[in-house]
């Protein structure tokens, strides 16, 4: 398996196997399910389509209560492994191309 595919698989598995990815708030709402509900009706692509949860985002702030937003902010974020040197070198080549 190439290092790029392994890194992607590691990231996927860290969220797939992590119970926090289906974090239940004290209000009994499940964050992941709420994001699905929120994003399904959006006309344009937003960060939440990639499950990037920015509590300062207006859409997110309007969907969750103030208490839920604080709870989300205080939640542990799973650690994602570092990119391999091979991937870093490849990305740096692209960066150098566009300088």
C-alpha atoms as a PDB file:
ATOM      1  CA  UNK A   1       0.000   0.000   0.000  1.00  0.00           C
ATOM      2  CA  UNK A   2       1.412   3.386  -0.945  1.00  0.00           C
ATOM      3  CA  UNK A   3       2.073   5.871   1.854  1.00  0.00           C
ATOM      4  CA  UNK A   4      -0.582   8.252   0.471  1.00  0.00           C
ATOM      5  CA  UNK A   5      -3.276   5.601   0.560  1.00  0.00           C
ATOM      6  CA  UNK A   6      -2.116   4.485   4.014  1.00  0.00           C
ATOM      7  CA  UNK A   7      -2.345   8.056   5.366  1.00  0.00           C
ATOM      8  CA  UNK A   8      -5.834   8.446   3.925  1.00  0.00           C
ATOM      9  CA  UNK A   9      -6.868   5.065   5.358  1.00  0.00           C
ATOM     10  CA  UNK A  10      -5.435   6.007   8.773  1.00  0.00           C
ATOM     11  CA  UNK A  11      -7.430   9.244   8.788  1.00  0.00           C
ATOM     12  CA  UNK A  12     -10.617   7.436   7.741  1.00  0.00           C
ATOM     13  CA  UNK A  13     -10.154   4.725  10.373  1.00  0.00           C
ATOM     14  CA  UNK A  14      -9.405   7.217  13.149  1.00  0.00           C
ATOM     15  CA  UNK A  15     -12.842   8.754  12.608  1.00  0.00           C
ATOM     16  CA  UNK A  16     -14.681   5.526  11.711  1.00  0.00           C
ATOM     17  CA  UNK A  17     -13.570   3.754  14.881  1.00  0.00           C
ATOM     18  CA  UNK A  18     -13.813   6.787  17.127  1.00  0.00           C
ATOM     19  CA  UNK A  19     -16.960   7.035  19.216  1.00  0.00           C
ATOM     20  CA  UNK A  20     -16.412  10.806  19.407  1.00  0.00           C
ATOM     21  CA  UNK A  21     -17.241  11.054  15.691  1.00  0.00           C
ATOM     22  CA  UNK A  22     -20.811  10.258  16.794  1.00  0.00           C
ATOM     23  CA  UNK A  23     -20.564  12.446  19.862  1.00  0.00           C
ATOM     24  CA  UNK A  24     -23.824  12.639  21.760  1.00  0.00           C
ATOM     25  CA  UNK A  25     -24.333  16.004  23.361  1.00  0.00           C
ATOM     26  CA  UNK A  26     -25.887  16.404  26.801  1.00  0.00           C
ATOM     27  CA  UNK A  27     -29.012  17.543  24.923  1.00  0.00           C
ATOM     28  CA  UNK A  28     -29.149  14.000  23.432  1.00  0.00           C
ATOM     29  CA  UNK A  29     -28.499  15.337  19.915  1.00  0.00           C
ATOM     30  CA  UNK A  30     -25.760  13.495  18.005  1.00  0.00           C
ATOM     31  CA  UNK A  31     -23.348  15.911  16.319  1.00  0.00           C
ATOM     32  CA  UNK A  32     -22.769  13.820  13.186  1.00  0.00           C
ATOM     33  CA  UNK A  33     -26.506  13.342  12.624  1.00  0.00           C
ATOM     34  CA  UNK A  34     -27.128  17.061  13.100  1.00  0.00           C
ATOM     35  CA  UNK A  35     -24.436  17.857  10.528  1.00  0.00           C
ATOM     36  CA  UNK A  36     -26.108  15.490   8.057  1.00  0.00           C
ATOM     37  CA  UNK A  37     -29.439  17.231   8.619  1.00  0.00           C
ATOM     38  CA  UNK A  38     -27.883  20.651   8.252  1.00  0.00           C
ATOM     39  CA  UNK A  39     -25.851  19.961   5.135  1.00  0.00           C
ATOM     40  CA  UNK A  40     -28.470  18.054   3.143  1.00  0.00           C
ATOM     41  CA  UNK A  41     -30.460  21.209   2.407  1.00  0.00           C
ATOM     42  CA  UNK A  42     -27.535  23.482   1.636  1.00  0.00           C
ATOM     43  CA  UNK A  43     -27.343  24.753  -1.918  1.00  0.00           C
ATOM     44  CA  UNK A  44     -23.595  25.436  -1.840  1.00  0.00           C
ATOM     45  CA  UNK A  45     -20.622  23.503  -0.499  1.00  0.00           C
ATOM     46  CA  UNK A  46     -19.563  24.420   3.002  1.00  0.00           C
ATOM     47  CA  UNK A  47     -16.871  23.078   5.327  1.00  0.00           C
ATOM     48  CA  UNK A  48     -19.463  20.897   7.061  1.00  0.00           C
ATOM     49  CA  UNK A  49     -19.728  18.797   3.899  1.00  0.00           C
ATOM     50  CA  UNK A  50     -16.287  17.526   4.922  1.00  0.00           C
ATOM     51  CA  UNK A  51     -17.310  17.347   8.579  1.00  0.00           C
ATOM     52  CA  UNK A  52     -15.218  20.380   9.410  1.00  0.00           C
ATOM     53  CA  UNK A  53     -17.049  21.850  12.345  1.00  0.00           C
ATOM     54  CA  UNK A  54     -16.336  25.532  12.925  1.00  0.00           C
ATOM     55  CA  UNK A  55     -18.364  26.677  15.929  1.00  0.00           C
ATOM     56  CA  UNK A  56     -17.876  30.293  14.814  1.00  0.00           C
ATOM     57  CA  UNK A  57     -19.586  29.608  11.481  1.00  0.00           C
ATOM     58  CA  UNK A  58     -22.989  31.314  11.251  1.00  0.00           C
ATOM     59  CA  UNK A  59     -24.765  28.160   9.994  1.00  0.00           C
ATOM     60  CA  UNK A  60     -23.385  26.081  12.849  1.00  0.00           C
ATOM     61  CA  UNK A  61     -24.055  28.793  15.435  1.00  0.00           C
ATOM     62  CA  UNK A  62     -27.677  29.030  14.337  1.00  0.00           C
ATOM     63  CA  UNK A  63     -28.206  25.251  14.315  1.00  0.00           C
ATOM     64  CA  UNK A  64     -26.796  24.431  17.759  1.00  0.00           C
ATOM     65  CA  UNK A  65     -27.586  26.069  21.085  1.00  0.00           C
ATOM     66  CA  UNK A  66     -24.963  28.131  22.899  1.00  0.00           C
ATOM     67  CA  UNK A  67     -24.502  25.309  25.440  1.00  0.00           C
ATOM     68  CA  UNK A  68     -24.082  22.737  22.652  1.00  0.00           C
ATOM     69  CA  UNK A  69     -21.503  24.927  20.911  1.00  0.00           C
ATOM     70  CA  UNK A  70     -19.469  25.147  24.131  1.00  0.00           C
ATOM     71  CA  UNK A  71     -19.725  21.391  24.573  1.00  0.00           C
ATOM     72  CA  UNK A  72     -18.575  20.809  20.980  1.00  0.00           C
ATOM     73  CA  UNK A  73     -15.666  23.211  21.470  1.00  0.00           C
ATOM     74  CA  UNK A  74     -14.529  21.366  24.589  1.00  0.00           C
ATOM     75  CA  UNK A  75     -14.672  17.919  22.970  1.00  0.00           C
ATOM     76  CA  UNK A  76     -11.512  15.941  22.358  1.00  0.00           C
ATOM     77  CA  UNK A  77     -10.398  15.909  18.717  1.00  0.00           C
ATOM     78  CA  UNK A  78      -8.863  12.624  17.527  1.00  0.00           C
ATOM     79  CA  UNK A  79      -5.211  12.879  16.628  1.00  0.00           C
ATOM     80  CA  UNK A  80      -4.387  12.292  12.980  1.00  0.00           C
ATOM     81  CA  UNK A  81      -1.014  10.842  12.041  1.00  0.00           C
ATOM     82  CA  UNK A  82       1.623  13.049  10.449  1.00  0.00           C
ATOM     83  CA  UNK A  83       2.029  12.968   6.675  1.00  0.00           C
ATOM     84  CA  UNK A  84       4.944  10.886   5.471  1.00  0.00           C
ATOM     85  CA  UNK A  85       8.073  12.576   4.124  1.00  0.00           C
ATOM     86  CA  UNK A  86       7.160  11.265   0.667  1.00  0.00           C
ATOM     87  CA  UNK A  87       3.792  13.063   0.724  1.00  0.00           C
ATOM     88  CA  UNK A  88       5.318  16.222   2.203  1.00  0.00           C
ATOM     89  CA  UNK A  89       7.946  16.285  -0.554  1.00  0.00           C
ATOM     90  CA  UNK A  90       5.270  15.824  -3.230  1.00  0.00           C
ATOM     91  CA  UNK A  91       3.153  18.650  -1.787  1.00  0.00           C
ATOM     92  CA  UNK A  92       6.196  20.901  -1.550  1.00  0.00           C
ATOM     93  CA  UNK A  93       6.848  20.365  -5.278  1.00  0.00           C
ATOM     94  CA  UNK A  94       3.376  21.759  -6.013  1.00  0.00           C
ATOM     95  CA  UNK A  95       3.931  24.684  -3.672  1.00  0.00           C
ATOM     96  CA  UNK A  96       7.222  25.479  -5.410  1.00  0.00           C
ATOM     97  CA  UNK A  97       5.497  25.324  -8.815  1.00  0.00           C
ATOM     98  CA  UNK A  98       3.004  28.017  -7.858  1.00  0.00           C
ATOM     99  CA  UNK A  99       5.338  30.484  -6.110  1.00  0.00           C
END
